[in-house]
């Protein structure tokens, strides 16, 4: 197998198109924060499998 064929196969492993990524994001579950306003800002609550960081001035 030629080096460029190997590189091409390695690049495509785990690749997703935009539609698949959007579908996966829309099907993810959310954890409620208990605040309707904060849930709205976060797009439905805290997304599972993601890091959510919230900051505010002291």
PDB file of N, CA and C in Angstrom:
ATOM      1  N   UNK A   1       0.854  -1.181   0.000  1.00  0.00           N
ATOM      2  CA  UNK A   1       0.000   0.000   0.000  1.00  0.00           C
ATOM      3  C   UNK A   1       0.897   1.240   0.000  1.00  0.00           C
ATOM      4  N   UNK A   2       0.557   2.199  -0.842  1.00  0.00           N
ATOM      5  CA  UNK A   2       1.347   3.423  -0.969  1.00  0.00           C
ATOM      6  C   UNK A   2       1.160   4.311   0.263  1.00  0.00           C
ATOM      7  N   UNK A   3       2.197   5.089   0.613  1.00  0.00           N
ATOM      8  CA  UNK A   3       2.096   5.962   1.795  1.00  0.00           C
ATOM      9  C   UNK A   3       0.901   6.913   1.753  1.00  0.00           C
ATOM     10  N   UNK A   4       0.577   7.445   0.566  1.00  0.00           N
ATOM     11  CA  UNK A   4      -0.565   8.367   0.507  1.00  0.00           C
ATOM     12  C   UNK A   4      -1.891   7.644   0.743  1.00  0.00           C
ATOM     13  N   UNK A   5      -1.993   6.369   0.377  1.00  0.00           N
ATOM     14  CA  UNK A   5      -3.207   5.587   0.650  1.00  0.00           C
ATOM     15  C   UNK A   5      -3.351   5.335   2.147  1.00  0.00           C
ATOM     16  N   UNK A   6      -2.236   5.051   2.805  1.00  0.00           N
ATOM     17  CA  UNK A   6      -2.253   4.841   4.261  1.00  0.00           C
ATOM     18  C   UNK A   6      -2.684   6.132   4.960  1.00  0.00           C
ATOM     19  N   UNK A   7      -2.106   7.255   4.544  1.00  0.00           N
ATOM     20  CA  UNK A   7      -2.454   8.546   5.147  1.00  0.00           C
ATOM     21  C   UNK A   7      -3.930   8.859   4.948  1.00  0.00           C
ATOM     22  N   UNK A   8      -4.444   8.591   3.764  1.00  0.00           N
ATOM     23  CA  UNK A   8      -5.859   8.858   3.475  1.00  0.00           C
ATOM     24  C   UNK A   8      -6.763   8.034   4.381  1.00  0.00           C
ATOM     25  N   UNK A   9      -6.432   6.762   4.594  1.00  0.00           N
ATOM     26  CA  UNK A   9      -7.247   5.908   5.463  1.00  0.00           C
ATOM     27  C   UNK A   9      -7.198   6.398   6.903  1.00  0.00           C
ATOM     28  N   UNK A  10      -6.022   6.822   7.365  1.00  0.00           N
ATOM     29  CA  UNK A  10      -5.894   7.316   8.735  1.00  0.00           C
ATOM     30  C   UNK A  10      -6.675   8.607   8.935  1.00  0.00           C
ATOM     31  N   UNK A  11      -6.698   9.477   7.945  1.00  0.00           N
ATOM     32  CA  UNK A  11      -7.434  10.733   8.057  1.00  0.00           C
ATOM     33  C   UNK A  11      -8.937  10.514   8.130  1.00  0.00           C
ATOM     34  N   UNK A  12      -9.435   9.504   7.451  1.00  0.00           N
ATOM     35  CA  UNK A  12     -10.875   9.283   7.390  1.00  0.00           C
ATOM     36  C   UNK A  12     -11.419   8.497   8.575  1.00  0.00           C
ATOM     37  N   UNK A  13     -10.559   7.886   9.372  1.00  0.00           N
ATOM     38  CA  UNK A  13     -11.049   7.123  10.520  1.00  0.00           C
ATOM     39  C   UNK A  13     -11.681   8.078  11.526  1.00  0.00           C
ATOM     40  N   UNK A  14     -12.907   7.834  11.870  1.00  0.00           N
ATOM     41  CA  UNK A  14     -13.604   8.651  12.858  1.00  0.00           C
ATOM     42  C   UNK A  14     -14.141   9.970  12.322  1.00  0.00           C
ATOM     43  N   UNK A  15     -14.001  10.220  11.030  1.00  0.00           N
ATOM     44  CA  UNK A  15     -14.497  11.472  10.458  1.00  0.00           C
ATOM     45  C   UNK A  15     -16.024  11.453  10.399  1.00  0.00           C
ATOM     46  N   UNK A  16     -16.639  12.629  10.602  1.00  0.00           N
ATOM     47  CA  UNK A  16     -18.090  12.775  10.530  1.00  0.00           C
ATOM     48  C   UNK A  16     -18.418  13.944   9.622  1.00  0.00           C
ATOM     49  N   UNK A  17     -19.527  13.831   8.917  1.00  0.00           N
ATOM     50  CA  UNK A  17     -19.954  14.994   8.147  1.00  0.00           C
ATOM     51  C   UNK A  17     -20.804  15.893   9.050  1.00  0.00           C
ATOM     52  N   UNK A  18     -21.100  17.089   8.580  1.00  0.00           N
ATOM     53  CA  UNK A  18     -21.809  18.076   9.395  1.00  0.00           C
ATOM     54  C   UNK A  18     -23.201  17.612   9.796  1.00  0.00           C
ATOM     55  N   UNK A  19     -23.913  16.904   8.906  1.00  0.00           N
ATOM     56  CA  UNK A  19     -25.264  16.438   9.230  1.00  0.00           C
ATOM     57  C   UNK A  19     -25.229  15.432  10.376  1.00  0.00           C
ATOM     58  N   UNK A  20     -24.243  14.529  10.354  1.00  0.00           N
ATOM     59  CA  UNK A  20     -24.124  13.548  11.432  1.00  0.00           C
ATOM     60  C   UNK A  20     -23.804  14.234  12.752  1.00  0.00           C
ATOM     61  N   UNK A  21     -22.937  15.241  12.703  1.00  0.00           N
ATOM     62  CA  UNK A  21     -22.585  15.969  13.922  1.00  0.00           C
ATOM     63  C   UNK A  21     -23.798  16.704  14.490  1.00  0.00           C
ATOM     64  N   UNK A  22     -24.585  17.341  13.620  1.00  0.00           N
ATOM     65  CA  UNK A  22     -25.779  18.059  14.065  1.00  0.00           C
ATOM     66  C   UNK A  22     -26.794  17.096  14.660  1.00  0.00           C
ATOM     67  N   UNK A  23     -27.005  15.974  14.003  1.00  0.00           N
ATOM     68  CA  UNK A  23     -27.953  14.973  14.491  1.00  0.00           C
ATOM     69  C   UNK A  23     -27.534  14.449  15.858  1.00  0.00           C
ATOM     70  N   UNK A  24     -26.241  14.201  16.023  1.00  0.00           N
ATOM     71  CA  UNK A  24     -25.733  13.711  17.310  1.00  0.00           C
ATOM     72  C   UNK A  24     -25.922  14.756  18.399  1.00  0.00           C
ATOM     73  N   UNK A  25     -25.650  16.016  18.078  1.00  0.00           N
ATOM     74  CA  UNK A  25     -25.805  17.087  19.056  1.00  0.00           C
ATOM     75  C   UNK A  25     -27.264  17.254  19.474  1.00  0.00           C
ATOM     76  N   UNK A  26     -28.183  17.164  18.526  1.00  0.00           N
ATOM     77  CA  UNK A  26     -29.601  17.341  18.828  1.00  0.00           C
ATOM     78  C   UNK A  26     -30.164  16.181  19.636  1.00  0.00           C
ATOM     79  N   UNK A  27     -29.563  15.011  19.537  1.00  0.00           N
ATOM     80  CA  UNK A  27     -30.080  13.851  20.256  1.00  0.00           C
ATOM     81  C   UNK A  27     -29.452  13.693  21.641  1.00  0.00           C
ATOM     82  N   UNK A  28     -28.480  14.549  21.987  1.00  0.00           N
ATOM     83  CA  UNK A  28     -27.844  14.449  23.297  1.00  0.00           C
ATOM     84  C   UNK A  28     -28.810  14.869  24.400  1.00  0.00           C
ATOM     85  N   UNK A  29     -28.651  14.255  25.528  1.00  0.00           N
ATOM     86  CA  UNK A  29     -29.487  14.581  26.682  1.00  0.00           C
ATOM     87  C   UNK A  29     -28.924  15.806  27.407  1.00  0.00           C
ATOM     88  N   UNK A  30     -29.796  16.494  28.131  1.00  0.00           N
ATOM     89  CA  UNK A  30     -29.414  17.668  28.898  1.00  0.00           C
ATOM     90  C   UNK A  30     -29.780  17.447  30.361  1.00  0.00           C
ATOM     91  N   UNK A  31     -29.002  18.019  31.237  1.00  0.00           N
ATOM     92  CA  UNK A  31     -29.291  17.991  32.670  1.00  0.00           C
ATOM     93  C   UNK A  31     -29.802  19.381  33.039  1.00  0.00           C
ATOM     94  N   UNK A  32     -30.951  19.446  33.675  1.00  0.00           N
ATOM     95  CA  UNK A  32     -31.517  20.740  34.043  1.00  0.00           C
ATOM     96  C   UNK A  32     -30.689  21.392  35.147  1.00  0.00           C
ATOM     97  N   UNK A  33     -30.640  22.703  35.114  1.00  0.00           N
ATOM     98  CA  UNK A  33     -29.941  23.453  36.157  1.00  0.00           C
ATOM     99  C   UNK A  33     -30.903  23.860  37.269  1.00  0.00           C
ATOM    100  N   UNK A  34     -32.195  23.693  37.024  1.00  0.00           N
ATOM    101  CA  UNK A  34     -33.189  24.147  37.985  1.00  0.00           C
ATOM    102  C   UNK A  34     -33.636  25.581  37.720  1.00  0.00           C
ATOM    103  N   UNK A  35     -32.986  26.241  36.778  1.00  0.00           N
ATOM    104  CA  UNK A  35     -33.329  27.613  36.416  1.00  0.00           C
ATOM    105  C   UNK A  35     -33.736  27.646  34.950  1.00  0.00           C
ATOM    106  N   UNK A  36     -34.974  28.049  34.685  1.00  0.00           N
ATOM    107  CA  UNK A  36     -35.451  28.126  33.308  1.00  0.00           C
ATOM    108  C   UNK A  36     -34.629  29.081  32.458  1.00  0.00           C
ATOM    109  N   UNK A  37     -34.253  30.230  33.045  1.00  0.00           N
ATOM    110  CA  UNK A  37     -33.455  31.209  32.302  1.00  0.00           C
ATOM    111  C   UNK A  37     -32.074  30.654  31.955  1.00  0.00           C
ATOM    112  N   UNK A  38     -31.412  30.022  32.928  1.00  0.00           N
ATOM    113  CA  UNK A  38     -30.082  29.462  32.680  1.00  0.00           C
ATOM    114  C   UNK A  38     -30.159  28.305  31.691  1.00  0.00           C
ATOM    115  N   UNK A  39     -31.181  27.477  31.815  1.00  0.00           N
ATOM    116  CA  UNK A  39     -31.363  26.393  30.839  1.00  0.00           C
ATOM    117  C   UNK A  39     -31.514  26.960  29.427  1.00  0.00           C
ATOM    118  N   UNK A  40     -32.251  28.064  29.299  1.00  0.00           N
ATOM    119  CA  UNK A  40     -32.423  28.697  27.996  1.00  0.00           C
ATOM    120  C   UNK A  40     -31.113  29.222  27.429  1.00  0.00           C
ATOM    121  N   UNK A  41     -30.310  29.837  28.283  1.00  0.00           N
ATOM    122  CA  UNK A  41     -29.005  30.347  27.848  1.00  0.00           C
ATOM    123  C   UNK A  41     -28.110  29.203  27.385  1.00  0.00           C
ATOM    124  N   UNK A  42     -28.185  28.075  28.087  1.00  0.00           N
ATOM    125  CA  UNK A  42     -27.336  26.922  27.764  1.00  0.00           C
ATOM    126  C   UNK A  42     -27.913  26.050  26.656  1.00  0.00           C
ATOM    127  N   UNK A  43     -29.061  26.422  26.120  1.00  0.00           N
ATOM    128  CA  UNK A  43     -29.643  25.630  25.034  1.00  0.00           C
ATOM    129  C   UNK A  43     -30.344  24.383  25.525  1.00  0.00           C
ATOM    130  N   UNK A  44     -30.984  24.468  26.682  1.00  0.00           N
ATOM    131  CA  UNK A  44     -31.747  23.333  27.189  1.00  0.00           C
ATOM    132  C   UNK A  44     -31.205  22.746  28.477  1.00  0.00           C
ATOM    133  N   UNK A  45     -30.137  23.278  28.979  1.00  0.00           N
ATOM    134  CA  UNK A  45     -29.514  22.757  30.194  1.00  0.00           C
ATOM    135  C   UNK A  45     -28.065  22.394  29.924  1.00  0.00           C
ATOM    136  N   UNK A  46     -27.470  21.680  30.858  1.00  0.00           N
ATOM    137  CA  UNK A  46     -26.075  21.261  30.713  1.00  0.00           C
ATOM    138  C   UNK A  46     -26.036  20.039  29.807  1.00  0.00           C
ATOM    139  N   UNK A  47     -25.254  20.116  28.745  1.00  0.00           N
ATOM    140  CA  UNK A  47     -25.152  19.023  27.781  1.00  0.00           C
ATOM    141  C   UNK A  47     -24.312  17.892  28.362  1.00  0.00           C
ATOM    142  N   UNK A  48     -24.811  16.670  28.256  1.00  0.00           N
ATOM    143  CA  UNK A  48     -24.037  15.503  28.674  1.00  0.00           C
ATOM    144  C   UNK A  48     -22.872  15.303  27.706  1.00  0.00           C
ATOM    145  N   UNK A  49     -21.786  14.750  28.187  1.00  0.00           N
ATOM    146  CA  UNK A  49     -20.569  14.472  27.410  1.00  0.00           C
ATOM    147  C   UNK A  49     -19.859  15.741  26.962  1.00  0.00           C
ATOM    148  N   UNK A  50     -20.123  16.863  27.608  1.00  0.00           N
ATOM    149  CA  UNK A  50     -19.451  18.115  27.271  1.00  0.00           C
ATOM    150  C   UNK A  50     -19.048  18.825  28.557  1.00  0.00           C
ATOM    151  N   UNK A  51     -18.096  19.718  28.445  1.00  0.00           N
ATOM    152  CA  UNK A  51     -17.679  20.536  29.580  1.00  0.00           C
ATOM    153  C   UNK A  51     -18.447  21.849  29.510  1.00  0.00           C
ATOM    154  N   UNK A  52     -19.073  22.228  30.610  1.00  0.00           N
ATOM    155  CA  UNK A  52     -19.797  23.495  30.682  1.00  0.00           C
ATOM    156  C   UNK A  52     -19.162  24.332  31.778  1.00  0.00           C
ATOM    157  N   UNK A  53     -18.719  25.518  31.419  1.00  0.00           N
ATOM    158  CA  UNK A  53     -18.079  26.406  32.386  1.00  0.00           C
ATOM    159  C   UNK A  53     -18.916  27.668  32.501  1.00  0.00           C
ATOM    160  N   UNK A  54     -19.234  28.046  33.719  1.00  0.00           N
ATOM    161  CA  UNK A  54     -20.046  29.238  33.963  1.00  0.00           C
ATOM    162  C   UNK A  54     -19.249  30.159  34.871  1.00  0.00           C
ATOM    163  N   UNK A  55     -19.144  31.410  34.492  1.00  0.00           N
ATOM    164  CA  UNK A  55     -18.405  32.373  35.302  1.00  0.00           C
ATOM    165  C   UNK A  55     -19.228  33.633  35.512  1.00  0.00           C
ATOM    166  N   UNK A  56     -18.908  34.341  36.568  1.00  0.00           N
ATOM    167  CA  UNK A  56     -19.591  35.595  36.867  1.00  0.00           C
ATOM    168  C   UNK A  56     -18.657  36.460  37.704  1.00  0.00           C
ATOM    169  N   UNK A  57     -18.826  37.766  37.638  1.00  0.00           N
ATOM    170  CA  UNK A  57     -17.987  38.641  38.467  1.00  0.00           C
ATOM    171  C   UNK A  57     -18.330  38.473  39.942  1.00  0.00           C
ATOM    172  N   UNK A  58     -17.352  38.704  40.783  1.00  0.00           N
ATOM    173  CA  UNK A  58     -17.577  38.596  42.236  1.00  0.00           C
ATOM    174  C   UNK A  58     -18.173  39.859  42.774  1.00  0.00           C
TER     175      UNK A  58
END
